[in-house]
Amino acid sequence: MKATIKTQGRQFTVKEGDILKVNRFVDSSAGDTVTIGEVLMVGEGAEASFGNPCVEGASVTATVLENKRDKKIIVFKKKRRKGYRRKRGHRQEVSIIKIDSIQS
């Protein structure tokens, strides 16, 4: 069974056993169980049910495998012929989750 979920401003189409990299869940650690209630679509083919915007009573359960920081992104600003250069780096906090079950 497939489901389209919305978590932390992003949408993912998932099935059981999928591993995702999402923005970090606050106050979670490795091994915690997270329930995602914003399910936009659940099912496959003719049995698919769509929400307006969310399917009522549907949820997705996931396990947090790891909390870490993502690759560094370099932000470089420059204005030509003015001597203005700024170089900054940013590392996003991410959670690696595994989809355990989809309830419809």
PDB file of N, CA and C in Angstrom:
ATOM      1  N   MET A   1       0.833  -1.170   0.000  1.00  0.00           N
ATOM      2  CA  MET A   1       0.000   0.000   0.000  1.00  0.00           C
ATOM      3  C   MET A   1       0.885   1.243   0.000  1.00  0.00           C
ATOM      4  N   LYS A   2       0.485   2.246  -0.761  1.00  0.00           N
ATOM      5  CA  LYS A   2       1.221   3.494  -0.847  1.00  0.00           C
ATOM      6  C   LYS A   2       0.450   4.601  -0.143  1.00  0.00           C
ATOM      7  N   ALA A   3       1.179   5.623   0.262  1.00  0.00           N
ATOM      8  CA  ALA A   3       0.554   6.802   0.861  1.00  0.00           C
ATOM      9  C   ALA A   3       1.383   8.022   0.493  1.00  0.00           C
ATOM     10  N   THR A   4       0.708   9.144   0.326  1.00  0.00           N
ATOM     11  CA  THR A   4       1.382  10.421   0.134  1.00  0.00           C
ATOM     12  C   THR A   4       1.216  11.208   1.416  1.00  0.00           C
ATOM     13  N   ILE A   5       2.345  11.553   2.038  1.00  0.00           N
ATOM     14  CA  ILE A   5       2.305  12.235   3.323  1.00  0.00           C
ATOM     15  C   ILE A   5       2.901  13.626   3.187  1.00  0.00           C
ATOM     16  N   LYS A   6       2.533  14.485   4.125  1.00  0.00           N
ATOM     17  CA  LYS A   6       3.103  15.821   4.197  1.00  0.00           C
ATOM     18  C   LYS A   6       3.716  15.967   5.578  1.00  0.00           C
ATOM     19  N   THR A   7       5.018  16.225   5.625  1.00  0.00           N
ATOM     20  CA  THR A   7       5.694  16.418   6.892  1.00  0.00           C
ATOM     21  C   THR A   7       6.706  17.539   6.754  1.00  0.00           C
ATOM     22  N   GLN A   8       6.640  18.495   7.649  1.00  0.00           N
ATOM     23  CA  GLN A   8       7.566  19.621   7.717  1.00  0.00           C
ATOM     24  C   GLN A   8       7.647  20.384   6.394  1.00  0.00           C
ATOM     25  N   GLY A   9       6.496  20.583   5.759  1.00  0.00           N
ATOM     26  CA  GLY A   9       6.434  21.395   4.555  1.00  0.00           C
ATOM     27  C   GLY A   9       6.804  20.685   3.268  1.00  0.00           C
ATOM     28  N   ARG A  10       7.093  19.390   3.326  1.00  0.00           N
ATOM     29  CA  ARG A  10       7.451  18.634   2.127  1.00  0.00           C
ATOM     30  C   ARG A  10       6.532  17.438   1.980  1.00  0.00           C
ATOM     31  N   GLN A  11       6.308  16.997   0.739  1.00  0.00           N
ATOM     32  CA  GLN A  11       5.447  15.858   0.469  1.00  0.00           C
ATOM     33  C   GLN A  11       6.284  14.695  -0.049  1.00  0.00           C
ATOM     34  N   PHE A  12       5.920  13.485   0.406  1.00  0.00           N
ATOM     35  CA  PHE A  12       6.604  12.260   0.002  1.00  0.00           C
ATOM     36  C   PHE A  12       5.566  11.196  -0.304  1.00  0.00           C
ATOM     37  N   THR A  13       5.805  10.393  -1.338  1.00  0.00           N
ATOM     38  CA  THR A  13       5.004   9.205  -1.591  1.00  0.00           C
ATOM     39  C   THR A  13       5.804   8.024  -1.082  1.00  0.00           C
ATOM     40  N   VAL A  14       5.225   7.288  -0.120  1.00  0.00           N
ATOM     41  CA  VAL A  14       5.967   6.243   0.574  1.00  0.00           C
ATOM     42  C   VAL A  14       5.188   4.933   0.566  1.00  0.00           C
ATOM     43  N   LYS A  15       5.913   3.861   0.822  1.00  0.00           N
ATOM     44  CA  LYS A  15       5.306   2.557   1.084  1.00  0.00           C
ATOM     45  C   LYS A  15       6.053   1.956   2.272  1.00  0.00           C
ATOM     46  N   GLU A  16       5.553   0.889   2.828  1.00  0.00           N
ATOM     47  CA  GLU A  16       6.170   0.290   4.010  1.00  0.00           C
ATOM     48  C   GLU A  16       7.589  -0.168   3.696  1.00  0.00           C
ATOM     49  N   GLY A  17       8.523   0.157   4.600  1.00  0.00           N
ATOM     50  CA  GLY A  17       9.904  -0.223   4.431  1.00  0.00           C
ATOM     51  C   GLY A  17      10.776   0.843   3.797  1.00  0.00           C
ATOM     52  N   ASP A  18      10.191   1.939   3.302  1.00  0.00           N
ATOM     53  CA  ASP A  18      10.972   3.013   2.699  1.00  0.00           C
ATOM     54  C   ASP A  18      11.800   3.744   3.756  1.00  0.00           C
ATOM     55  N   ILE A  19      12.952   4.251   3.346  1.00  0.00           N
ATOM     56  CA  ILE A  19      13.818   5.039   4.220  1.00  0.00           C
ATOM     57  C   ILE A  19      13.912   6.442   3.628  1.00  0.00           C
ATOM     58  N   LEU A  20      13.601   7.456   4.449  1.00  0.00           N
ATOM     59  CA  LEU A  20      13.563   8.841   3.994  1.00  0.00           C
ATOM     60  C   LEU A  20      14.510   9.712   4.792  1.00  0.00           C
ATOM     61  N   LYS A  21      14.958  10.805   4.160  1.00  0.00           N
ATOM     62  CA  LYS A  21      15.727  11.834   4.851  1.00  0.00           C
ATOM     63  C   LYS A  21      14.845  13.074   4.903  1.00  0.00           C
ATOM     64  N   VAL A  22      14.392  13.442   6.105  1.00  0.00           N
ATOM     65  CA  VAL A  22      13.501  14.582   6.288  1.00  0.00           C
ATOM     66  C   VAL A  22      14.136  15.564   7.258  1.00  0.00           C
ATOM     67  N   ASN A  23      13.580  16.774   7.338  1.00  0.00           N
ATOM     68  CA  ASN A  23      14.043  17.728   8.333  1.00  0.00           C
ATOM     69  C   ASN A  23      13.850  17.130   9.715  1.00  0.00           C
ATOM     70  N   ARG A  24      14.714  17.492  10.649  1.00  0.00           N
ATOM     71  CA  ARG A  24      14.757  16.833  11.943  1.00  0.00           C
ATOM     72  C   ARG A  24      13.463  17.004  12.740  1.00  0.00           C
ATOM     73  N   PHE A  25      12.997  15.900  13.331  1.00  0.00           N
ATOM     74  CA  PHE A  25      11.868  15.934  14.252  1.00  0.00           C
ATOM     75  C   PHE A  25      12.374  16.455  15.591  1.00  0.00           C
ATOM     76  N   VAL A  26      11.702  17.452  16.126  1.00  0.00           N
ATOM     77  CA  VAL A  26      12.119  18.065  17.384  1.00  0.00           C
ATOM     78  C   VAL A  26      11.922  17.070  18.524  1.00  0.00           C
ATOM     79  N   ASP A  27      12.856  17.029  19.462  1.00  0.00           N
ATOM     80  CA  ASP A  27      12.803  16.173  20.653  1.00  0.00           C
ATOM     81  C   ASP A  27      12.666  14.692  20.305  1.00  0.00           C
ATOM     82  N   SER A  28      13.352  14.239  19.264  1.00  0.00           N
ATOM     83  CA  SER A  28      13.346  12.818  18.931  1.00  0.00           C
ATOM     84  C   SER A  28      14.781  12.316  18.955  1.00  0.00           C
ATOM     85  N   SER A  29      14.912  11.022  19.239  1.00  0.00           N
ATOM     86  CA  SER A  29      16.233  10.407  19.217  1.00  0.00           C
ATOM     87  C   SER A  29      16.129   9.095  18.456  1.00  0.00           C
ATOM     88  N   ALA A  30      17.261   8.477  18.210  1.00  0.00           N
ATOM     89  CA  ALA A  30      17.285   7.228  17.440  1.00  0.00           C
ATOM     90  C   ALA A  30      16.467   6.162  18.171  1.00  0.00           C
ATOM     91  N   GLY A  31      15.596   5.488  17.447  1.00  0.00           N
ATOM     92  CA  GLY A  31      14.762   4.445  18.011  1.00  0.00           C
ATOM     93  C   GLY A  31      13.361   4.905  18.365  1.00  0.00           C
ATOM     94  N   ASP A  32      13.097   6.207  18.375  1.00  0.00           N
ATOM     95  CA  ASP A  32      11.763   6.715  18.695  1.00  0.00           C
ATOM     96  C   ASP A  32      10.796   6.429  17.557  1.00  0.00           C
ATOM     97  N   THR A  33       9.504   6.330  17.904  1.00  0.00           N
ATOM     98  CA  THR A  33       8.451   6.134  16.920  1.00  0.00           C
ATOM     99  C   THR A  33       7.736   7.459  16.702  1.00  0.00           C
ATOM    100  N   VAL A  34       7.528   7.806  15.432  1.00  0.00           N
ATOM    101  CA  VAL A  34       6.880   9.062  15.063  1.00  0.00           C
ATOM    102  C   VAL A  34       5.625   8.731  14.278  1.00  0.00           C
ATOM    103  N   THR A  35       4.512   9.400  14.606  1.00  0.00           N
ATOM    104  CA  THR A  35       3.266   9.226  13.873  1.00  0.00           C
ATOM    105  C   THR A  35       3.005  10.472  13.041  1.00  0.00           C
ATOM    106  N   ILE A  36       2.793  10.286  11.752  1.00  0.00           N
ATOM    107  CA  ILE A  36       2.528  11.390  10.829  1.00  0.00           C
ATOM    108  C   ILE A  36       1.050  11.339  10.479  1.00  0.00           C
ATOM    109  N   GLY A  37       0.329  12.389  10.840  1.00  0.00           N
ATOM    110  CA  GLY A  37      -1.119  12.411  10.665  1.00  0.00           C
ATOM    111  C   GLY A  37      -1.591  13.059   9.384  1.00  0.00           C
ATOM    112  N   GLU A  38      -0.734  13.822   8.722  1.00  0.00           N
ATOM    113  CA  GLU A  38      -1.135  14.488   7.488  1.00  0.00           C
ATOM    114  C   GLU A  38      -0.921  13.551   6.301  1.00  0.00           C
ATOM    115  N   VAL A  39      -1.941  12.749   5.998  1.00  0.00           N
ATOM    116  CA  VAL A  39      -1.895  11.802   4.883  1.00  0.00           C
ATOM    117  C   VAL A  39      -2.800  12.354   3.790  1.00  0.00           C
ATOM    118  N   LEU A  40      -2.225  12.674   2.646  1.00  0.00           N
ATOM    119  CA  LEU A  40      -2.977  13.286   1.557  1.00  0.00           C
ATOM    120  C   LEU A  40      -3.657  12.259   0.661  1.00  0.00           C
ATOM    121  N   MET A  41      -3.050  11.082   0.520  1.00  0.00           N
ATOM    122  CA  MET A  41      -3.600  10.022  -0.311  1.00  0.00           C
ATOM    123  C   MET A  41      -3.161   8.689   0.265  1.00  0.00           C
ATOM    124  N   VAL A  42      -4.055   7.700   0.231  1.00  0.00           N
ATOM    125  CA  VAL A  42      -3.699   6.373   0.714  1.00  0.00           C
ATOM    126  C   VAL A  42      -4.317   5.336  -0.218  1.00  0.00           C
ATOM    127  N   GLY A  43      -3.587   4.249  -0.479  1.00  0.00           N
ATOM    128  CA  GLY A  43      -4.074   3.182  -1.348  1.00  0.00           C
ATOM    129  C   GLY A  43      -3.401   3.219  -2.704  1.00  0.00           C
ATOM    130  N   GLU A  44      -3.757   2.238  -3.539  1.00  0.00           N
ATOM    131  CA  GLU A  44      -3.212   2.150  -4.885  1.00  0.00           C
ATOM    132  C   GLU A  44      -4.325   1.853  -5.870  1.00  0.00           C
ATOM    133  N   GLY A  45      -4.143   2.329  -7.097  1.00  0.00           N
ATOM    134  CA  GLY A  45      -5.057   2.004  -8.180  1.00  0.00           C
ATOM    135  C   GLY A  45      -6.475   2.480  -7.918  1.00  0.00           C
ATOM    136  N   ALA A  46      -7.443   1.554  -8.118  1.00  0.00           N
ATOM    137  CA  ALA A  46      -8.859   1.895  -7.971  1.00  0.00           C
ATOM    138  C   ALA A  46      -9.258   2.084  -6.513  1.00  0.00           C
ATOM    139  N   GLU A  47      -8.499   1.513  -5.573  1.00  0.00           N
ATOM    140  CA  GLU A  47      -8.846   1.617  -4.155  1.00  0.00           C
ATOM    141  C   GLU A  47      -8.263   2.866  -3.497  1.00  0.00           C
ATOM    142  N   ALA A  48      -7.616   3.735  -4.250  1.00  0.00           N
ATOM    143  CA  ALA A  48      -6.985   4.923  -3.668  1.00  0.00           C
ATOM    144  C   ALA A  48      -8.046   5.889  -3.172  1.00  0.00           C
ATOM    145  N   SER A  49      -7.805   6.458  -1.993  1.00  0.00           N
ATOM    146  CA  SER A  49      -8.710   7.478  -1.463  1.00  0.00           C
ATOM    147  C   SER A  49      -7.908   8.758  -1.243  1.00  0.00           C
ATOM    148  N   PHE A  50      -8.507   9.854  -1.661  1.00  0.00           N
ATOM    149  CA  PHE A  50      -7.843  11.142  -1.611  1.00  0.00           C
ATOM    150  C   PHE A  50      -8.525  12.017  -0.574  1.00  0.00           C
ATOM    151  N   GLY A  51      -7.737  12.797   0.125  1.00  0.00           N
ATOM    152  CA  GLY A  51      -8.279  13.689   1.136  1.00  0.00           C
ATOM    153  C   GLY A  51      -8.515  15.070   0.589  1.00  0.00           C
ATOM    154  N   ASN A  52      -9.215  15.864   1.400  1.00  0.00           N
ATOM    155  CA  ASN A  52      -9.481  17.244   1.008  1.00  0.00           C
ATOM    156  C   ASN A  52      -9.231  18.149   2.192  1.00  0.00           C
ATOM    157  N   PRO A  53      -8.015  18.468   2.619  1.00  0.00           N
ATOM    158  CA  PRO A  53      -6.736  18.083   2.037  1.00  0.00           C
ATOM    159  C   PRO A  53      -6.195  16.764   2.586  1.00  0.00           C
ATOM    160  N   CYS A  54      -6.652  16.317   3.775  1.00  0.00           N
ATOM    161  CA  CYS A  54      -6.098  15.096   4.376  1.00  0.00           C
ATOM    162  C   CYS A  54      -7.169  14.013   4.484  1.00  0.00           C
ATOM    163  N   VAL A  55      -6.744  12.761   4.432  1.00  0.00           N
ATOM    164  CA  VAL A  55      -7.644  11.628   4.599  1.00  0.00           C
ATOM    165  C   VAL A  55      -7.928  11.471   6.093  1.00  0.00           C
ATOM    166  N   GLU A  56      -9.200  11.446   6.464  1.00  0.00           N
ATOM    167  CA  GLU A  56      -9.565  11.351   7.876  1.00  0.00           C
ATOM    168  C   GLU A  56      -9.294   9.951   8.404  1.00  0.00           C
ATOM    169  N   GLY A  57      -8.664   9.877   9.569  1.00  0.00           N
ATOM    170  CA  GLY A  57      -8.392   8.605  10.218  1.00  0.00           C
ATOM    171  C   GLY A  57      -7.158   7.881   9.713  1.00  0.00           C
ATOM    172  N   ALA A  58      -6.479   8.429   8.721  1.00  0.00           N
ATOM    173  CA  ALA A  58      -5.290   7.775   8.177  1.00  0.00           C
ATOM    174  C   ALA A  58      -4.048   8.328   8.857  1.00  0.00           C
ATOM    175  N   SER A  59      -3.071   7.461   9.063  1.00  0.00           N
ATOM    176  CA  SER A  59      -1.803   7.896   9.649  1.00  0.00           C
ATOM    177  C   SER A  59      -0.688   6.964   9.194  1.00  0.00           C
ATOM    178  N   VAL A  60       0.517   7.450   9.317  1.00  0.00           N
ATOM    179  CA  VAL A  60       1.708   6.684   8.948  1.00  0.00           C
ATOM    180  C   VAL A  60       2.628   6.654  10.161  1.00  0.00           C
ATOM    181  N   THR A  61       3.102   5.458  10.511  1.00  0.00           N
ATOM    182  CA  THR A  61       4.009   5.293  11.637  1.00  0.00           C
ATOM    183  C   THR A  61       5.413   5.038  11.111  1.00  0.00           C
ATOM    184  N   ALA A  62       6.380   5.778  11.677  1.00  0.00           N
ATOM    185  CA  ALA A  62       7.769   5.662  11.239  1.00  0.00           C
ATOM    186  C   ALA A  62       8.686   5.588  12.448  1.00  0.00           C
ATOM    187  N   THR A  63       9.856   4.981  12.267  1.00  0.00           N
ATOM    188  CA  THR A  63      10.868   4.890  13.310  1.00  0.00           C
ATOM    189  C   THR A  63      12.057   5.756  12.916  1.00  0.00           C
ATOM    190  N   VAL A  64      12.543   6.545  13.867  1.00  0.00           N
ATOM    191  CA  VAL A  64      13.711   7.382  13.624  1.00  0.00           C
ATOM    192  C   VAL A  64      14.948   6.494  13.723  1.00  0.00           C
ATOM    193  N   LEU A  65      15.677   6.362  12.619  1.00  0.00           N
ATOM    194  CA  LEU A  65      16.883   5.551  12.621  1.00  0.00           C
ATOM    195  C   LEU A  65      18.087   6.343  13.114  1.00  0.00           C
ATOM    196  N   GLU A  66      18.157   7.639  12.739  1.00  0.00           N
ATOM    197  CA  GLU A  66      19.340   8.424  13.039  1.00  0.00           C
ATOM    198  C   GLU A  66      19.005   9.909  12.932  1.00  0.00           C
ATOM    199  N   ASN A  67      19.584  10.702  13.805  1.00  0.00           N
ATOM    200  CA  ASN A  67      19.552  12.157  13.700  1.00  0.00           C
ATOM    201  C   ASN A  67      20.973  12.618  13.399  1.00  0.00           C
ATOM    202  N   LYS A  68      21.123  13.432  12.371  1.00  0.00           N
ATOM    203  CA  LYS A  68      22.463  13.876  12.001  1.00  0.00           C
ATOM    204  C   LYS A  68      22.376  15.209  11.292  1.00  0.00           C
ATOM    205  N   ARG A  69      23.519  15.693  10.865  1.00  0.00           N
ATOM    206  CA  ARG A  69      23.589  16.918  10.091  1.00  0.00           C
ATOM    207  C   ARG A  69      23.919  16.559   8.644  1.00  0.00           C
ATOM    208  N   ASP A  70      23.265  17.246   7.721  1.00  0.00           N
ATOM    209  CA  ASP A  70      23.420  16.978   6.303  1.00  0.00           C
ATOM    210  C   ASP A  70      24.735  17.571   5.786  1.00  0.00           C
ATOM    211  N   LYS A  71      25.007  17.405   4.496  1.00  0.00           N
ATOM    212  CA  LYS A  71      26.194  17.973   3.879  1.00  0.00           C
ATOM    213  C   LYS A  71      26.178  19.488   4.001  1.00  0.00           C
ATOM    214  N   LYS A  72      27.368  20.079   3.994  1.00  0.00           N
ATOM    215  CA  LYS A  72      27.467  21.532   4.095  1.00  0.00           C
ATOM    216  C   LYS A  72      27.124  22.182   2.754  1.00  0.00           C
ATOM    217  N   ILE A  73      26.300  23.211   2.835  1.00  0.00           N
ATOM    218  CA  ILE A  73      25.939  24.019   1.679  1.00  0.00           C
ATOM    219  C   ILE A  73      26.708  25.332   1.786  1.00  0.00           C
ATOM    220  N   ILE A  74      27.403  25.725   0.736  1.00  0.00           N
ATOM    221  CA  ILE A  74      28.177  26.962   0.727  1.00  0.00           C
ATOM    222  C   ILE A  74      27.322  28.071   0.104  1.00  0.00           C
ATOM    223  N   VAL A  75      27.180  29.183   0.836  1.00  0.00           N
ATOM    224  CA  VAL A  75      26.460  30.356   0.342  1.00  0.00           C
ATOM    225  C   VAL A  75      27.504  31.432   0.083  1.00  0.00           C
ATOM    226  N   PHE A  76      27.680  31.814  -1.177  1.00  0.00           N
ATOM    227  CA  PHE A  76      28.712  32.774  -1.562  1.00  0.00           C
ATOM    228  C   PHE A  76      28.054  33.955  -2.259  1.00  0.00           C
ATOM    229  N   LYS A  77      28.302  35.150  -1.740  1.00  0.00           N
ATOM    230  CA  LYS A  77      27.763  36.370  -2.327  1.00  0.00           C
ATOM    231  C   LYS A  77      28.921  37.233  -2.809  1.00  0.00           C
ATOM    232  N   LYS A  78      28.727  37.872  -3.959  1.00  0.00           N
ATOM    233  CA  LYS A  78      29.787  38.725  -4.500  1.00  0.00           C
ATOM    234  C   LYS A  78      29.160  39.824  -5.344  1.00  0.00           C
ATOM    235  N   LYS A  79      29.748  41.011  -5.244  1.00  0.00           N
ATOM    236  CA  LYS A  79      29.384  42.103  -6.140  1.00  0.00           C
ATOM    237  C   LYS A  79      30.651  42.492  -6.894  1.00  0.00           C
ATOM    238  N   ARG A  80      30.592  42.409  -8.184  1.00  0.00           N
ATOM    239  CA  ARG A  80      31.804  42.606  -8.972  1.00  0.00           C
ATOM    240  C   ARG A  80      32.302  44.041  -8.890  1.00  0.00           C
ATOM    241  N   ARG A  81      33.610  44.145  -8.921  1.00  0.00           N
ATOM    242  CA  ARG A  81      34.330  45.425  -8.912  1.00  0.00           C
ATOM    243  C   ARG A  81      34.106  46.251  -7.649  1.00  0.00           C
ATOM    244  N   LYS A  82      33.530  45.707  -6.604  1.00  0.00           N
ATOM    245  CA  LYS A  82      33.279  46.455  -5.374  1.00  0.00           C
ATOM    246  C   LYS A  82      34.079  45.916  -4.189  1.00  0.00           C
ATOM    247  N   GLY A  83      34.722  44.774  -4.355  1.00  0.00           N
ATOM    248  CA  GLY A  83      35.473  44.178  -3.258  1.00  0.00           C
ATOM    249  C   GLY A  83      34.586  43.525  -2.213  1.00  0.00           C
ATOM    250  N   TYR A  84      33.321  43.251  -2.566  1.00  0.00           N
ATOM    251  CA  TYR A  84      32.376  42.662  -1.621  1.00  0.00           C
ATOM    252  C   TYR A  84      32.276  41.166  -1.862  1.00  0.00           C
ATOM    253  N   ARG A  85      32.703  40.382  -0.864  1.00  0.00           N
ATOM    254  CA  ARG A  85      32.590  38.925  -0.940  1.00  0.00           C
ATOM    255  C   ARG A  85      32.209  38.401   0.433  1.00  0.00           C
ATOM    256  N   ARG A  86      31.228  37.496   0.485  1.00  0.00           N
ATOM    257  CA  ARG A  86      30.818  36.858   1.730  1.00  0.00           C
ATOM    258  C   ARG A  86      30.689  35.359   1.479  1.00  0.00           C
ATOM    259  N   LYS A  87      31.288  34.569   2.332  1.00  0.00           N
ATOM    260  CA  LYS A  87      31.210  33.116   2.203  1.00  0.00           C
ATOM    261  C   LYS A  87      30.714  32.556   3.526  1.00  0.00           C
ATOM    262  N   ARG A  88      29.596  31.871   3.489  1.00  0.00           N
ATOM    263  CA  ARG A  88      29.002  31.261   4.677  1.00  0.00           C
ATOM    264  C   ARG A  88      28.672  29.807   4.365  1.00  0.00           C
ATOM    265  N   GLY A  89      28.632  29.002   5.394  1.00  0.00           N
ATOM    266  CA  GLY A  89      28.250  27.611   5.241  1.00  0.00           C
ATOM    267  C   GLY A  89      27.042  27.297   6.102  1.00  0.00           C
ATOM    268  N   HIS A  90      26.283  26.279   5.706  1.00  0.00           N
ATOM    269  CA  HIS A  90      25.097  25.872   6.464  1.00  0.00           C
ATOM    270  C   HIS A  90      24.965  24.358   6.408  1.00  0.00           C
ATOM    271  N   ARG A  91      24.708  23.751   7.553  1.00  0.00           N
ATOM    272  CA  ARG A  91      24.442  22.312   7.617  1.00  0.00           C
ATOM    273  C   ARG A  91      23.072  22.112   8.239  1.00  0.00           C
ATOM    274  N   GLN A  92      22.169  21.486   7.496  1.00  0.00           N
ATOM    275  CA  GLN A  92      20.797  21.269   7.941  1.00  0.00           C
ATOM    276  C   GLN A  92      20.729  20.062   8.871  1.00  0.00           C
ATOM    277  N   GLU A  93      19.932  20.169   9.935  1.00  0.00           N
ATOM    278  CA  GLU A  93      19.674  19.041  10.833  1.00  0.00           C
ATOM    279  C   GLU A  93      18.632  18.138  10.161  1.00  0.00           C
ATOM    280  N   VAL A  94      18.929  16.843  10.012  1.00  0.00           N
ATOM    281  CA  VAL A  94      18.015  15.915   9.355  1.00  0.00           C
ATOM    282  C   VAL A  94      17.792  14.680  10.221  1.00  0.00           C
ATOM    283  N   SER A  95      16.666  14.016   9.963  1.00  0.00           N
ATOM    284  CA  SER A  95      16.353  12.733  10.581  1.00  0.00           C
ATOM    285  C   SER A  95      16.219  11.702   9.476  1.00  0.00           C
ATOM    286  N   ILE A  96      16.799  10.536   9.677  1.00  0.00           N
ATOM    287  CA  ILE A  96      16.636   9.409   8.753  1.00  0.00           C
ATOM    288  C   ILE A  96      15.527   8.541   9.364  1.00  0.00           C
ATOM    289  N   ILE A  97      14.414   8.364   8.640  1.00  0.00           N
ATOM    290  CA  ILE A  97      13.297   7.589   9.183  1.00  0.00           C
ATOM    291  C   ILE A  97      12.984   6.407   8.274  1.00  0.00           C
ATOM    292  N   LYS A  98      12.410   5.375   8.885  1.00  0.00           N
ATOM    293  CA  LYS A  98      11.952   4.187   8.143  1.00  0.00           C
ATOM    294  C   LYS A  98      10.459   4.040   8.363  1.00  0.00           C
ATOM    295  N   ILE A  99       9.701   3.898   7.267  1.00  0.00           N
ATOM    296  CA  ILE A  99       8.257   3.781   7.343  1.00  0.00           C
ATOM    297  C   ILE A  99       7.915   2.367   7.817  1.00  0.00           C
ATOM    298  N   ASP A 100       7.200   2.279   8.959  1.00  0.00           N
ATOM    299  CA  ASP A 100       6.828   0.976   9.517  1.00  0.00           C
ATOM    300  C   ASP A 100       5.465   0.504   9.021  1.00  0.00           C
ATOM    301  N   SER A 101       4.443   1.360   9.140  1.00  0.00           N
ATOM    302  CA  SER A 101       3.111   0.921   8.765  1.00  0.00           C
ATOM    303  C   SER A 101       2.280   2.102   8.285  1.00  0.00           C
ATOM    304  N   ILE A 102       1.266   1.772   7.465  1.00  0.00           N
ATOM    305  CA  ILE A 102       0.338   2.762   6.945  1.00  0.00           C
ATOM    306  C   ILE A 102      -1.064   2.314   7.350  1.00  0.00           C
ATOM    307  N   GLN A 103      -1.747   3.142   8.127  1.00  0.00           N
ATOM    308  CA  GLN A 103      -3.117   2.838   8.539  1.00  0.00           C
ATOM    309  C   GLN A 103      -4.061   3.715   7.743  1.00  0.00           C
ATOM    310  N   SER A 104      -5.099   3.111   7.176  1.00  0.00           N
ATOM    311  CA  SER A 104      -6.055   3.899   6.392  1.00  0.00           C
ATOM    312  C   SER A 104      -7.375   4.040   7.096  1.00  0.00           C
TER     313      SER A 104
END
